[in-house]
Amino acid sequence: MKTLLATALTVLSFSAAAQTSVQITDPWVRATVPQQKATGAFMQITAPKAMRLLEVRSPVAGVAEIHEMSMTDNMMRMRQIKELALPTGKAVELKPGGYHVMLLDLKGQVKAGDKIPLTLVLEGEDKHRETIEVTAVARPLGATSAPMPAMKH
């Protein structure tokens, strides 16, 4: 009976943990040409509760910033934002021409197929921070988003 109860509690704990996981889908980085010092990182993020993306880090870049691109008066503008809201259960897409991560002061060329480590720092409304490690695959320069299998963290 104790074993059955322990197994049931383990399954319930695992199910609860799975429901509270932030889901990262299709993480990728745009490849660069030699000597290029910046590129973008893209993905979809779905949080199980209201959270904010506060920070991104990567060992391939001296600086990583969260950016927003928008059209104002027929001019495309890009600016760094302090944080990105992640509403409960709603996928937020980081994509070319919208929200994205800028990897600046690159330490070397990013080639198609390279696996780029990213660290995401998120914070819930309760001020609890969560760090998620993501591996983004570099796509060729002209690449756009294409659906790939989801990763849960």
N, C-alpha and C. Protein backbone atom coordinates (compact mmCIF):
# COMPACT_ATOMS: atom_id res chain seq x y z
N MET A 1 0.82 -1.19 0.00
CA MET A 1 0.00 0.00 0.00
C MET A 1 0.87 1.26 0.00
N LYS A 2 1.97 1.25 0.79
CA LYS A 2 2.86 2.40 0.83
C LYS A 2 3.47 2.65 -0.55
N THR A 3 3.85 1.58 -1.25
CA THR A 3 4.44 1.72 -2.58
C THR A 3 3.44 2.32 -3.55
N LEU A 4 2.20 1.86 -3.49
CA LEU A 4 1.16 2.38 -4.36
C LEU A 4 0.92 3.87 -4.10
N LEU A 5 0.87 4.24 -2.82
CA LEU A 5 0.67 5.64 -2.46
C LEU A 5 1.86 6.49 -2.92
N ALA A 6 3.07 6.01 -2.71
CA ALA A 6 4.26 6.74 -3.13
C ALA A 6 4.28 6.91 -4.65
N THR A 7 3.90 5.87 -5.39
CA THR A 7 3.85 5.94 -6.85
C THR A 7 2.80 6.96 -7.30
N ALA A 8 1.64 6.93 -6.67
CA ALA A 8 0.57 7.88 -7.02
C ALA A 8 1.02 9.31 -6.76
N LEU A 9 1.68 9.56 -5.63
CA LEU A 9 2.17 10.91 -5.32
C LEU A 9 3.23 11.37 -6.32
N THR A 10 4.10 10.44 -6.72
CA THR A 10 5.13 10.77 -7.71
C THR A 10 4.49 11.15 -9.03
N VAL A 11 3.50 10.39 -9.48
CA VAL A 11 2.81 10.69 -10.74
C VAL A 11 2.10 12.03 -10.64
N LEU A 12 1.42 12.29 -9.52
CA LEU A 12 0.74 13.57 -9.34
C LEU A 12 1.73 14.73 -9.32
N SER A 13 2.86 14.56 -8.66
CA SER A 13 3.88 15.60 -8.61
C SER A 13 4.43 15.87 -10.00
N PHE A 14 4.68 14.81 -10.78
CA PHE A 14 5.19 14.98 -12.13
C PHE A 14 4.17 15.70 -13.00
N SER A 15 2.89 15.34 -12.87
CA SER A 15 1.85 15.99 -13.65
C SER A 15 1.76 17.47 -13.31
N ALA A 16 1.82 17.81 -12.03
CA ALA A 16 1.77 19.21 -11.61
C ALA A 16 2.97 19.96 -12.16
N ALA A 17 4.16 19.35 -12.12
CA ALA A 17 5.35 20.00 -12.64
C ALA A 17 5.23 20.22 -14.14
N ALA A 18 4.68 19.23 -14.86
CA ALA A 18 4.53 19.36 -16.31
C ALA A 18 3.58 20.50 -16.65
N GLN A 19 2.54 20.70 -15.84
CA GLN A 19 1.57 21.76 -16.11
C GLN A 19 2.14 23.14 -15.80
N THR A 20 3.17 23.24 -14.99
CA THR A 20 3.73 24.54 -14.64
C THR A 20 4.97 24.87 -15.46
N SER A 21 5.29 24.04 -16.45
CA SER A 21 6.49 24.26 -17.25
C SER A 21 6.28 25.32 -18.32
N VAL A 22 7.27 26.16 -18.49
CA VAL A 22 7.29 27.11 -19.59
C VAL A 22 7.65 26.31 -20.84
N GLN A 23 6.93 26.55 -21.92
CA GLN A 23 7.17 25.82 -23.16
C GLN A 23 7.88 26.73 -24.16
N ILE A 24 9.00 26.25 -24.68
CA ILE A 24 9.77 26.96 -25.70
C ILE A 24 9.64 26.15 -26.98
N THR A 25 9.17 26.81 -28.05
CA THR A 25 8.97 26.13 -29.32
C THR A 25 9.84 26.78 -30.38
N ASP A 26 10.46 25.95 -31.20
CA ASP A 26 11.21 26.37 -32.38
C ASP A 26 12.24 27.47 -32.13
N PRO A 27 13.17 27.27 -31.19
CA PRO A 27 14.22 28.29 -30.98
C PRO A 27 15.25 28.24 -32.12
N TRP A 28 15.54 29.40 -32.69
CA TRP A 28 16.55 29.46 -33.75
C TRP A 28 17.24 30.81 -33.75
N VAL A 29 18.40 30.83 -34.38
CA VAL A 29 19.21 32.04 -34.51
C VAL A 29 19.55 32.19 -35.99
N ARG A 30 19.59 33.42 -36.45
CA ARG A 30 19.98 33.66 -37.84
C ARG A 30 21.50 33.62 -37.97
N ALA A 31 21.99 32.83 -38.94
CA ALA A 31 23.43 32.74 -39.19
C ALA A 31 23.95 34.10 -39.63
N THR A 32 25.27 34.28 -39.56
CA THR A 32 25.90 35.55 -39.91
C THR A 32 26.96 35.35 -41.00
N VAL A 33 27.43 36.45 -41.53
CA VAL A 33 28.57 36.43 -42.44
C VAL A 33 29.81 36.72 -41.59
N PRO A 34 31.00 36.40 -42.11
CA PRO A 34 32.22 36.70 -41.33
C PRO A 34 32.28 38.18 -40.93
N GLN A 35 32.75 38.45 -39.75
CA GLN A 35 32.93 39.79 -39.19
C GLN A 35 31.63 40.46 -38.75
N GLN A 36 30.47 39.85 -38.99
CA GLN A 36 29.20 40.43 -38.52
C GLN A 36 29.15 40.34 -37.01
N LYS A 37 28.73 41.40 -36.36
CA LYS A 37 28.79 41.47 -34.90
C LYS A 37 27.43 41.36 -34.21
N ALA A 38 26.36 41.13 -34.97
CA ALA A 38 25.03 41.02 -34.35
C ALA A 38 24.15 40.06 -35.15
N THR A 39 23.23 39.43 -34.44
CA THR A 39 22.22 38.59 -35.09
C THR A 39 21.01 38.51 -34.20
N GLY A 40 19.95 37.88 -34.69
CA GLY A 40 18.72 37.75 -33.92
C GLY A 40 18.45 36.32 -33.51
N ALA A 41 17.77 36.16 -32.37
CA ALA A 41 17.32 34.86 -31.89
C ALA A 41 15.80 34.92 -31.79
N PHE A 42 15.15 33.81 -32.16
CA PHE A 42 13.70 33.78 -32.28
C PHE A 42 13.15 32.49 -31.69
N MET A 43 11.89 32.51 -31.26
CA MET A 43 11.24 31.34 -30.67
C MET A 43 9.82 31.71 -30.29
N GLN A 44 9.06 30.75 -29.85
CA GLN A 44 7.76 31.01 -29.24
C GLN A 44 7.86 30.58 -27.77
N ILE A 45 7.30 31.40 -26.89
CA ILE A 45 7.34 31.12 -25.45
C ILE A 45 5.90 31.09 -24.95
N THR A 46 5.53 29.99 -24.28
CA THR A 46 4.21 29.87 -23.67
C THR A 46 4.41 29.60 -22.19
N ALA A 47 3.91 30.51 -21.37
CA ALA A 47 4.04 30.37 -19.91
C ALA A 47 2.71 29.89 -19.33
N PRO A 48 2.75 29.00 -18.34
CA PRO A 48 1.52 28.47 -17.74
C PRO A 48 0.83 29.47 -16.82
N LYS A 49 1.55 30.52 -16.46
CA LYS A 49 1.00 31.58 -15.61
C LYS A 49 1.61 32.89 -16.10
N ALA A 50 1.04 34.00 -15.72
CA ALA A 50 1.56 35.30 -16.16
C ALA A 50 3.01 35.45 -15.70
N MET A 51 3.88 35.74 -16.65
CA MET A 51 5.30 35.91 -16.37
C MET A 51 5.84 37.03 -17.25
N ARG A 52 7.12 37.34 -17.02
CA ARG A 52 7.81 38.32 -17.85
C ARG A 52 9.18 37.76 -18.21
N LEU A 53 9.57 37.94 -19.46
CA LEU A 53 10.94 37.62 -19.87
C LEU A 53 11.77 38.84 -19.52
N LEU A 54 12.72 38.68 -18.61
CA LEU A 54 13.52 39.81 -18.12
C LEU A 54 14.90 39.91 -18.76
N GLU A 55 15.45 38.76 -19.11
CA GLU A 55 16.85 38.76 -19.53
C GLU A 55 17.14 37.55 -20.39
N VAL A 56 18.09 37.72 -21.31
CA VAL A 56 18.60 36.61 -22.12
C VAL A 56 20.11 36.74 -22.12
N ARG A 57 20.78 35.59 -22.01
CA ARG A 57 22.25 35.56 -22.05
C ARG A 57 22.69 34.47 -23.03
N SER A 58 23.87 34.64 -23.59
CA SER A 58 24.46 33.60 -24.44
C SER A 58 25.97 33.75 -24.43
N PRO A 59 26.70 32.65 -24.35
CA PRO A 59 28.16 32.73 -24.35
C PRO A 59 28.73 33.15 -25.71
N VAL A 60 27.92 33.15 -26.78
CA VAL A 60 28.42 33.54 -28.10
C VAL A 60 28.39 35.05 -28.30
N ALA A 61 27.75 35.78 -27.37
CA ALA A 61 27.60 37.22 -27.51
C ALA A 61 28.05 37.95 -26.25
N GLY A 62 28.62 39.13 -26.45
CA GLY A 62 28.98 39.96 -25.31
C GLY A 62 27.75 40.54 -24.63
N VAL A 63 26.70 40.78 -25.43
CA VAL A 63 25.47 41.37 -24.92
C VAL A 63 24.28 40.71 -25.61
N ALA A 64 23.22 40.48 -24.84
CA ALA A 64 21.95 40.00 -25.41
C ALA A 64 20.85 40.90 -24.89
N GLU A 65 20.01 41.39 -25.80
CA GLU A 65 18.94 42.32 -25.43
C GLU A 65 17.61 41.85 -26.01
N ILE A 66 16.54 42.16 -25.31
CA ILE A 66 15.19 41.90 -25.81
C ILE A 66 14.78 43.14 -26.60
N HIS A 67 14.34 42.95 -27.84
CA HIS A 67 14.00 44.07 -28.71
C HIS A 67 12.59 43.95 -29.25
N GLU A 68 12.08 45.10 -29.68
CA GLU A 68 10.79 45.18 -30.35
C GLU A 68 11.00 45.95 -31.64
N MET A 69 10.42 45.42 -32.73
CA MET A 69 10.43 46.12 -34.00
C MET A 69 9.01 46.56 -34.29
N SER A 70 8.84 47.78 -34.79
CA SER A 70 7.50 48.27 -35.11
C SER A 70 7.58 49.24 -36.27
N MET A 71 6.43 49.46 -36.90
CA MET A 71 6.32 50.44 -37.98
C MET A 71 5.69 51.70 -37.41
N THR A 72 6.37 52.83 -37.58
CA THR A 72 5.85 54.12 -37.14
C THR A 72 6.08 55.12 -38.28
N ASP A 73 5.01 55.73 -38.76
CA ASP A 73 5.12 56.70 -39.86
C ASP A 73 5.88 56.12 -41.04
N ASN A 74 5.50 54.91 -41.44
CA ASN A 74 6.12 54.20 -42.57
C ASN A 74 7.62 53.97 -42.39
N MET A 75 8.08 53.98 -41.15
CA MET A 75 9.48 53.70 -40.88
C MET A 75 9.58 52.58 -39.85
N MET A 76 10.41 51.59 -40.17
CA MET A 76 10.60 50.50 -39.23
C MET A 76 11.56 50.95 -38.13
N ARG A 77 11.15 50.74 -36.90
CA ARG A 77 11.98 51.14 -35.76
C ARG A 77 12.23 49.91 -34.88
N MET A 78 13.45 49.85 -34.36
CA MET A 78 13.81 48.77 -33.45
C MET A 78 14.31 49.42 -32.17
N ARG A 79 13.84 48.88 -31.03
CA ARG A 79 14.29 49.43 -29.76
C ARG A 79 14.38 48.31 -28.73
N GLN A 80 15.29 48.50 -27.80
CA GLN A 80 15.41 47.56 -26.69
C GLN A 80 14.25 47.79 -25.74
N ILE A 81 13.71 46.69 -25.20
CA ILE A 81 12.68 46.79 -24.17
C ILE A 81 13.19 46.14 -22.89
N LYS A 82 12.70 46.65 -21.78
CA LYS A 82 13.16 46.18 -20.47
C LYS A 82 12.71 44.75 -20.17
N GLU A 83 11.49 44.43 -20.61
CA GLU A 83 10.92 43.10 -20.35
C GLU A 83 9.84 42.82 -21.37
N LEU A 84 9.47 41.54 -21.49
CA LEU A 84 8.42 41.12 -22.41
C LEU A 84 7.38 40.34 -21.62
N ALA A 85 6.13 40.82 -21.64
CA ALA A 85 5.04 40.16 -20.92
C ALA A 85 4.70 38.83 -21.58
N LEU A 86 4.49 37.81 -20.75
CA LEU A 86 4.08 36.49 -21.21
C LEU A 86 2.75 36.17 -20.54
N PRO A 87 1.62 36.43 -21.22
CA PRO A 87 0.31 36.17 -20.61
C PRO A 87 0.09 34.68 -20.37
N THR A 88 -0.73 34.36 -19.42
CA THR A 88 -1.04 32.97 -19.06
C THR A 88 -1.51 32.17 -20.27
N GLY A 89 -0.77 31.10 -20.58
CA GLY A 89 -1.19 30.15 -21.60
C GLY A 89 -1.18 30.64 -23.03
N LYS A 90 -0.74 31.85 -23.29
CA LYS A 90 -0.74 32.41 -24.65
C LYS A 90 0.68 32.42 -25.20
N ALA A 91 0.85 31.83 -26.39
CA ALA A 91 2.18 31.81 -27.01
C ALA A 91 2.57 33.23 -27.43
N VAL A 92 3.75 33.64 -27.04
CA VAL A 92 4.31 34.92 -27.46
C VAL A 92 5.42 34.59 -28.45
N GLU A 93 5.28 35.13 -29.65
CA GLU A 93 6.24 34.80 -30.70
C GLU A 93 7.33 35.85 -30.81
N LEU A 94 8.56 35.38 -30.73
CA LEU A 94 9.72 36.22 -31.01
C LEU A 94 10.10 35.88 -32.43
N LYS A 95 9.99 36.85 -33.35
CA LYS A 95 10.16 36.58 -34.77
C LYS A 95 10.78 37.78 -35.47
N PRO A 96 11.33 37.55 -36.66
CA PRO A 96 11.85 38.68 -37.43
C PRO A 96 10.72 39.69 -37.67
N GLY A 97 11.01 40.96 -37.47
CA GLY A 97 10.02 42.00 -37.68
C GLY A 97 9.12 42.27 -36.50
N GLY A 98 9.33 41.59 -35.37
CA GLY A 98 8.52 41.78 -34.17
C GLY A 98 9.41 41.74 -32.95
N TYR A 99 8.91 41.15 -31.87
CA TYR A 99 9.75 40.94 -30.70
C TYR A 99 10.83 39.93 -31.07
N HIS A 100 12.03 40.12 -30.55
CA HIS A 100 13.13 39.20 -30.80
C HIS A 100 14.25 39.46 -29.79
N VAL A 101 15.24 38.60 -29.82
CA VAL A 101 16.43 38.79 -29.00
C VAL A 101 17.56 39.20 -29.92
N MET A 102 18.25 40.27 -29.58
CA MET A 102 19.44 40.69 -30.33
C MET A 102 20.67 40.18 -29.59
N LEU A 103 21.50 39.44 -30.32
CA LEU A 103 22.79 38.98 -29.80
C LEU A 103 23.83 39.92 -30.40
N LEU A 104 24.46 40.72 -29.55
CA LEU A 104 25.39 41.76 -29.97
C LEU A 104 26.81 41.44 -29.53
N ASP A 105 27.77 42.06 -30.18
CA ASP A 105 29.18 41.84 -29.87
C ASP A 105 29.51 40.34 -29.95
N LEU A 106 29.12 39.75 -31.10
CA LEU A 106 29.36 38.32 -31.31
C LEU A 106 30.84 38.00 -31.21
N LYS A 107 31.13 36.84 -30.62
CA LYS A 107 32.52 36.43 -30.40
C LYS A 107 33.08 35.67 -31.60
N GLY A 108 32.24 35.41 -32.60
CA GLY A 108 32.66 34.71 -33.81
C GLY A 108 31.47 34.58 -34.74
N GLN A 109 31.74 34.07 -35.94
CA GLN A 109 30.68 33.88 -36.92
C GLN A 109 29.72 32.79 -36.46
N VAL A 110 28.43 33.00 -36.66
CA VAL A 110 27.42 31.99 -36.39
C VAL A 110 27.09 31.36 -37.74
N LYS A 111 27.38 30.07 -37.87
CA LYS A 111 27.19 29.36 -39.14
C LYS A 111 25.92 28.51 -39.07
N ALA A 112 25.27 28.37 -40.23
CA ALA A 112 24.07 27.53 -40.31
C ALA A 112 24.38 26.16 -39.71
N GLY A 113 23.50 25.70 -38.85
CA GLY A 113 23.68 24.40 -38.19
C GLY A 113 24.32 24.50 -36.82
N ASP A 114 24.96 25.62 -36.50
CA ASP A 114 25.55 25.78 -35.16
C ASP A 114 24.45 25.69 -34.10
N LYS A 115 24.80 25.14 -32.98
CA LYS A 115 23.88 25.07 -31.83
C LYS A 115 24.28 26.19 -30.86
N ILE A 116 23.37 27.13 -30.65
CA ILE A 116 23.64 28.32 -29.86
C ILE A 116 22.94 28.23 -28.51
N PRO A 117 23.68 28.18 -27.41
CA PRO A 117 23.04 28.14 -26.09
C PRO A 117 22.50 29.52 -25.69
N LEU A 118 21.28 29.52 -25.18
CA LEU A 118 20.64 30.74 -24.68
C LEU A 118 20.14 30.46 -23.28
N THR A 119 20.25 31.43 -22.40
CA THR A 119 19.69 31.34 -21.06
C THR A 119 18.62 32.41 -20.94
N LEU A 120 17.39 31.99 -20.66
CA LEU A 120 16.26 32.91 -20.49
C LEU A 120 15.98 33.06 -19.01
N VAL A 121 15.78 34.29 -18.56
CA VAL A 121 15.42 34.55 -17.17
C VAL A 121 14.01 35.13 -17.18
N LEU A 122 13.09 34.40 -16.53
CA LEU A 122 11.69 34.81 -16.45
C LEU A 122 11.31 35.06 -15.01
N GLU A 123 10.29 35.88 -14.82
CA GLU A 123 9.81 36.17 -13.47
C GLU A 123 8.29 36.14 -13.45
N GLY A 124 7.73 35.46 -12.44
CA GLY A 124 6.29 35.40 -12.26
C GLY A 124 5.80 36.60 -11.47
N GLU A 125 4.49 36.73 -11.37
CA GLU A 125 3.91 37.83 -10.60
C GLU A 125 4.30 37.77 -9.13
N ASP A 126 4.65 36.56 -8.65
CA ASP A 126 5.08 36.39 -7.26
C ASP A 126 6.55 36.76 -7.06
N LYS A 127 7.19 37.28 -8.12
CA LYS A 127 8.61 37.70 -8.12
C LYS A 127 9.58 36.52 -8.10
N HIS A 128 9.06 35.29 -8.23
CA HIS A 128 9.92 34.11 -8.30
C HIS A 128 10.53 34.05 -9.70
N ARG A 129 11.85 33.93 -9.76
CA ARG A 129 12.55 33.87 -11.04
C ARG A 129 12.83 32.43 -11.44
N GLU A 130 12.78 32.21 -12.74
CA GLU A 130 13.04 30.90 -13.32
C GLU A 130 14.04 31.08 -14.45
N THR A 131 15.05 30.22 -14.49
CA THR A 131 16.06 30.27 -15.54
C THR A 131 15.88 29.04 -16.42
N ILE A 132 15.83 29.27 -17.73
CA ILE A 132 15.61 28.19 -18.69
C ILE A 132 16.78 28.17 -19.67
N GLU A 133 17.35 27.00 -19.85
CA GLU A 133 18.43 26.82 -20.82
C GLU A 133 17.82 26.31 -22.12
N VAL A 134 18.15 26.98 -23.22
CA VAL A 134 17.61 26.65 -24.54
C VAL A 134 18.76 26.50 -25.51
N THR A 135 18.65 25.56 -26.44
CA THR A 135 19.62 25.45 -27.52
C THR A 135 18.91 25.82 -28.81
N ALA A 136 19.38 26.87 -29.45
CA ALA A 136 18.80 27.34 -30.71
C ALA A 136 19.73 26.94 -31.85
N VAL A 137 19.15 26.44 -32.93
CA VAL A 137 19.95 26.04 -34.09
C VAL A 137 20.02 27.22 -35.06
N ALA A 138 21.21 27.49 -35.56
CA ALA A 138 21.39 28.59 -36.50
C ALA A 138 20.87 28.18 -37.88
N ARG A 139 20.07 29.08 -38.46
CA ARG A 139 19.52 28.88 -39.80
C ARG A 139 20.20 29.84 -40.76
N PRO A 140 20.19 29.52 -42.05
CA PRO A 140 20.83 30.40 -43.04
C PRO A 140 20.28 31.82 -42.99
N LEU A 141 21.04 32.77 -43.51
CA LEU A 141 20.71 34.19 -43.47
C LEU A 141 19.27 34.52 -43.89
N GLY A 142 18.75 33.93 -44.94
CA GLY A 142 17.41 34.27 -45.43
C GLY A 142 16.29 33.51 -44.75
N ALA A 143 16.58 32.78 -43.69
CA ALA A 143 15.58 31.91 -43.05
C ALA A 143 14.48 32.71 -42.36
N THR A 144 13.29 32.10 -42.35
CA THR A 144 12.16 32.61 -41.58
C THR A 144 11.67 31.49 -40.69
N SER A 145 10.76 31.78 -39.81
CA SER A 145 10.26 30.76 -38.89
C SER A 145 9.63 29.60 -39.65
N ALA A 146 9.87 28.41 -39.15
CA ALA A 146 9.25 27.20 -39.66
C ALA A 146 8.94 26.33 -38.47
N PRO A 147 7.74 25.76 -38.38
CA PRO A 147 7.38 24.98 -37.19
C PRO A 147 8.28 23.77 -36.99
N MET A 148 8.64 23.57 -35.73
CA MET A 148 9.43 22.40 -35.34
C MET A 148 8.86 21.88 -34.02
N PRO A 149 9.28 20.69 -33.58
CA PRO A 149 8.75 20.13 -32.33
C PRO A 149 9.01 21.02 -31.13
N ALA A 150 8.08 20.99 -30.19
CA ALA A 150 8.17 21.81 -28.97
C ALA A 150 9.15 21.18 -27.98
N MET A 151 9.75 22.04 -27.15
CA MET A 151 10.59 21.59 -26.05
C MET A 151 9.96 22.11 -24.78
N LYS A 152 9.83 21.27 -23.77
CA LYS A 152 9.29 21.72 -22.49
C LYS A 152 10.41 21.81 -21.49
N HIS A 153 10.31 22.83 -20.62
CA HIS A 153 11.32 23.04 -19.58
C HIS A 153 10.64 23.15 -18.26
